[in-house]
Structure formats: C-alpha cells, structure tokens
C-alpha cells in the first residue's frame, strides 16, 4: 500500500491563519486571494483541503470557539471567585481599547452574528453553538459567585449569564467604535453593580 504525498503545509497553522483573516475582515469582505496568501496555499491545495470558503469559515468559527472556551475555562479555574472571573473577563475586553482602531477586532462570534448569521443557516447554527458554550461557562461562574455570596441570588444564574453575554456584546461594539479604555471600564463597573 502506497501512502499519499505528504502535506506541504501545516493544516493547523493554515486554519489559524484563515481565522485571523476572517476575524479582521469579516466573512463577506474576505476574498479567496486573501485566504490563499495568508494560508500559503495554492488554489488547488485550498479546495482539496477545505472544499471552499464557507466550509473553511465554519471550521474557523469552531476553532475560535475552542480557543476562547479553553482560555475562559482556564481563567475561571484560576480566578479567586466567580465574580472575580466575570470582572476579569469584562476588563480583558476593555483592554482591547488600548489598540489602534484598525486593530480592534471584537469577537468573531459576535461579528459573525451581526454580519451574516441571518443569511445562512449553517453559519447561524455554528454561532448559536458558540454562544451556548459561552453561556454555560458564565452560568458556572455566576453560580459559583452566588455560592460564594458575591453575586445576588435574586436573579437566576441563567438570566444573569444572558445579561453578561449581551453586555459583553455591547462592550465589544463600543470598543470597535472607538471608545477609550476608561469609558469601557466605567461601563464594566455599572455591569458589575447589576450582580450585587
């Protein structure tokens, strides 16, 4: 049995490179040429490995979700409390305001939800799955904070998690729109008071 020709590129690096392009430019604005250049692939290798732009984009959304979920899970595990985790997560988003306007990319899931999730069922399902994973993590953090006595028990953890997701979306939007870090930190302080 003969083995196929070995891959001339690293699939993980190529996928990550494509994710960075989509994250910076959005799905619609990203051209095949942009992807080929970033991934270091020929057109034939691209189609052989990824079938097409949409299929690649779906894989990039999944990769983004995995990376974000892993990072947030580690942050939660290393936080002194559930409330501390929530505050650090929100302030990490505020820190993006230190970048120049053209480097403020926001969240790939939220960007995609706004840009094209209503136009494509497959993309919508992938984005919805990403939000569901984020919500589950936030529910864990809120419940932990409630057990620790630092977050109100008057509101269900599921409702507070949904509130935090919508608040995070708002933060990402104002940062992309040019808000400075202090303004975003002031917004975070108001969000956190809602947990009291």
Protein backbone atom coordinates (compact mmCIF):
# COMPACT_ATOMS: atom_id res chain seq x y z
CA UNK A 1 0.00 0.00 0.00
CA UNK A 2 1.47 3.35 -1.01
CA UNK A 3 1.00 6.40 1.14
CA UNK A 4 -0.27 9.63 -0.36
CA UNK A 5 2.07 12.52 -0.91
CA UNK A 6 2.79 14.23 2.42
CA UNK A 7 1.15 17.58 3.07
CA UNK A 8 3.35 20.51 2.10
CA UNK A 9 1.74 22.75 4.72
CA UNK A 10 0.68 22.63 8.36
CA UNK A 11 -3.15 22.33 8.44
CA UNK A 12 -3.41 23.79 11.96
CA UNK A 13 -1.32 26.84 11.05
CA UNK A 14 -3.26 27.32 7.83
CA UNK A 15 -6.59 27.15 9.66
CA UNK A 16 -5.39 29.60 12.31
CA UNK A 17 -4.15 31.99 9.62
CA UNK A 18 -7.54 31.86 7.91
CA UNK A 19 -9.29 32.51 11.22
CA UNK A 20 -7.18 35.64 11.73
CA UNK A 21 -8.16 36.95 8.28
CA UNK A 22 -11.88 36.31 8.81
CA UNK A 23 -11.68 37.84 12.29
CA UNK A 24 -10.04 41.00 10.95
CA UNK A 25 -12.02 41.44 7.75
CA UNK A 26 -15.30 39.57 8.20
CA UNK A 27 -16.68 36.79 6.05
CA UNK A 28 -18.05 38.78 3.11
CA UNK A 29 -15.01 41.05 2.69
CA UNK A 30 -12.50 38.19 2.77
CA UNK A 31 -11.55 37.06 -0.72
CA UNK A 32 -10.14 33.74 -1.81
CA UNK A 33 -6.89 35.54 -2.64
CA UNK A 34 -6.69 36.92 0.92
CA UNK A 35 -7.05 33.38 2.26
CA UNK A 36 -4.56 31.81 -0.15
CA UNK A 37 -1.95 34.44 0.71
CA UNK A 38 -2.44 34.14 4.49
CA UNK A 39 -2.54 30.36 4.46
CA UNK A 40 0.34 29.91 2.00
CA UNK A 41 -1.72 27.62 -0.22
CA UNK A 42 -2.34 27.24 -3.92
CA UNK A 43 -5.93 27.30 -5.10
CA UNK A 44 -5.94 23.55 -5.78
CA UNK A 45 -4.49 22.76 -2.33
CA UNK A 46 -7.05 25.06 -0.74
CA UNK A 47 -10.02 23.34 -2.36
CA UNK A 48 -8.58 19.89 -1.74
CA UNK A 49 -8.12 20.61 1.98
CA UNK A 50 -11.09 22.87 2.77
CA UNK A 51 -13.63 22.44 -0.07
CA UNK A 52 -14.47 26.14 -0.18
CA UNK A 53 -14.69 29.45 1.62
CA UNK A 54 -17.84 28.67 3.60
CA UNK A 55 -16.59 25.28 4.80
CA UNK A 56 -13.32 26.90 5.86
CA UNK A 57 -15.21 29.67 7.67
CA UNK A 58 -17.29 27.15 9.61
CA UNK A 59 -14.10 25.41 10.71
CA UNK A 60 -12.62 28.77 11.71
CA UNK A 61 -15.66 29.57 13.87
CA UNK A 62 -15.25 26.20 15.59
CA UNK A 63 -11.54 26.83 16.13
CA UNK A 64 -12.25 30.30 17.56
CA UNK A 65 -14.85 28.85 19.92
CA UNK A 66 -12.42 26.18 21.12
CA UNK A 67 -9.67 28.73 21.78
CA UNK A 68 -11.98 31.16 23.59
CA UNK A 69 -13.63 28.40 25.62
CA UNK A 70 -10.26 27.00 26.68
CA UNK A 71 -8.94 30.43 27.64
CA UNK A 72 -12.05 31.34 29.63
CA UNK A 73 -12.19 27.95 31.35
CA UNK A 74 -8.58 28.44 32.50
CA UNK A 75 -9.36 31.99 33.62
CA UNK A 76 -12.34 30.73 35.64
CA UNK A 77 -10.28 27.96 37.22
CA UNK A 78 -7.54 30.44 38.20
CA UNK A 79 -9.86 33.17 39.48
CA UNK A 80 -10.28 33.68 43.22
CA UNK A 81 -14.07 33.81 42.84
CA UNK A 82 -16.86 33.66 40.28
CA UNK A 83 -17.30 37.41 40.45
CA UNK A 84 -13.55 37.96 40.02
CA UNK A 85 -13.68 35.85 36.85
CA UNK A 86 -16.55 37.92 35.44
CA UNK A 87 -14.78 41.18 36.23
CA UNK A 88 -11.52 39.99 34.68
CA UNK A 89 -13.31 38.75 31.57
CA UNK A 90 -15.06 42.09 31.07
CA UNK A 91 -11.91 44.12 31.76
CA UNK A 92 -9.96 41.98 29.27
CA UNK A 93 -12.45 43.17 26.65
CA UNK A 94 -11.98 46.75 27.82
CA UNK A 95 -8.21 46.37 27.40
CA UNK A 96 -8.72 45.97 23.65
CA UNK A 97 -9.38 49.74 23.64
CA UNK A 98 -5.60 50.23 24.04
CA UNK A 99 -5.13 49.09 20.46
CA UNK A 100 -5.38 51.36 17.46
CA UNK A 101 -8.85 51.47 15.89
CA UNK A 102 -7.84 49.28 12.95
CA UNK A 103 -6.62 46.55 15.34
CA UNK A 104 -9.84 46.34 17.37
CA UNK A 105 -11.42 43.17 16.05
CA UNK A 106 -14.08 42.43 18.63
CA UNK A 107 -15.35 38.86 18.94
CA UNK A 108 -15.52 36.64 15.85
CA UNK A 109 -18.77 35.03 17.06
CA UNK A 110 -20.46 38.37 17.71
CA UNK A 111 -19.12 39.89 14.50
CA UNK A 112 -20.44 36.92 12.54
CA UNK A 113 -23.84 37.04 14.26
CA UNK A 114 -24.19 40.65 13.13
CA UNK A 115 -22.73 40.20 9.66
CA UNK A 116 -24.19 37.03 8.23
CA UNK A 117 -25.84 34.66 10.69
CA UNK A 118 -29.32 35.66 9.46
CA UNK A 119 -28.33 34.90 5.86
CA UNK A 120 -27.01 31.37 6.32
CA UNK A 121 -28.44 28.59 8.48
CA UNK A 122 -25.17 26.67 8.83
CA UNK A 123 -23.31 29.75 9.99
CA UNK A 124 -26.19 30.67 12.33
CA UNK A 125 -26.07 27.20 13.92
CA UNK A 126 -22.31 27.40 14.45
CA UNK A 127 -22.61 30.87 16.03
CA UNK A 128 -25.51 29.74 18.21
CA UNK A 129 -23.47 26.77 19.41
CA UNK A 130 -20.62 29.12 20.30
CA UNK A 131 -22.93 31.38 22.31
CA UNK A 132 -24.40 28.36 24.08
CA UNK A 133 -20.93 27.29 25.21
CA UNK A 134 -20.15 30.79 26.46
CA UNK A 135 -23.46 30.92 28.32
CA UNK A 136 -22.76 27.61 30.06
CA UNK A 137 -19.39 28.88 31.26
CA UNK A 138 -20.97 32.11 32.53
CA UNK A 139 -23.70 30.15 34.31
CA UNK A 140 -20.94 28.22 36.13
CA UNK A 141 -19.24 31.49 37.10
CA UNK A 142 -22.47 33.09 38.30
CA UNK A 143 -23.46 30.04 40.33
CA UNK A 144 -20.03 29.97 41.88
CA UNK A 145 -20.34 33.66 42.72
CA UNK A 146 -23.79 33.09 44.22
CA UNK A 147 -22.47 30.25 46.38
CA UNK A 148 -19.61 32.48 47.48
CA UNK A 149 -22.07 35.24 48.39
CA UNK A 150 -20.64 37.77 45.91
CA UNK A 151 -23.46 37.65 43.34
CA UNK A 152 -27.16 38.14 44.01
CA UNK A 153 -29.39 35.08 44.29
CA UNK A 154 -32.44 37.21 43.49
CA UNK A 155 -31.89 36.63 39.76
CA UNK A 156 -31.43 33.18 38.22
CA UNK A 157 -27.92 32.30 37.08
CA UNK A 158 -29.20 31.64 33.55
CA UNK A 159 -30.70 35.14 33.33
CA UNK A 160 -27.55 36.80 34.65
CA UNK A 161 -25.44 34.79 32.19
CA UNK A 162 -27.61 36.04 29.32
CA UNK A 163 -27.27 39.58 30.63
CA UNK A 164 -23.49 39.22 30.73
CA UNK A 165 -23.37 37.95 27.14
CA UNK A 166 -25.41 40.93 25.92
CA UNK A 167 -23.25 43.27 27.99
CA UNK A 168 -20.10 41.73 26.55
CA UNK A 169 -21.50 42.27 23.06
CA UNK A 170 -22.09 45.91 23.91
CA UNK A 171 -18.56 46.32 25.21
CA UNK A 172 -17.10 44.76 22.08
CA UNK A 173 -19.20 47.11 19.94
CA UNK A 174 -18.24 50.34 21.71
CA UNK A 175 -14.57 49.31 21.71
CA UNK A 176 -14.69 48.68 17.95
CA UNK A 177 -16.44 52.05 17.62
CA UNK A 178 -13.51 53.85 19.23
CA UNK A 179 -14.30 54.09 22.96
CA UNK A 180 -11.28 54.63 25.18
CA UNK A 181 -10.35 52.20 27.95
CA UNK A 182 -11.55 54.39 30.82
CA UNK A 183 -15.00 54.75 29.29
CA UNK A 184 -15.25 50.99 28.90
CA UNK A 185 -14.04 50.42 32.47
CA UNK A 186 -16.81 52.75 33.66
CA UNK A 187 -19.33 50.62 31.73
CA UNK A 188 -17.90 47.46 33.30
CA UNK A 189 -18.38 48.97 36.78
CA UNK A 190 -22.08 49.52 36.02
CA UNK A 191 -22.45 45.95 34.71
CA UNK A 192 -20.87 44.56 37.85
CA UNK A 193 -23.23 46.55 40.09
CA UNK A 194 -26.11 44.66 38.48
CA UNK A 195 -24.71 41.49 40.06
CA UNK A 196 -24.96 42.87 43.62
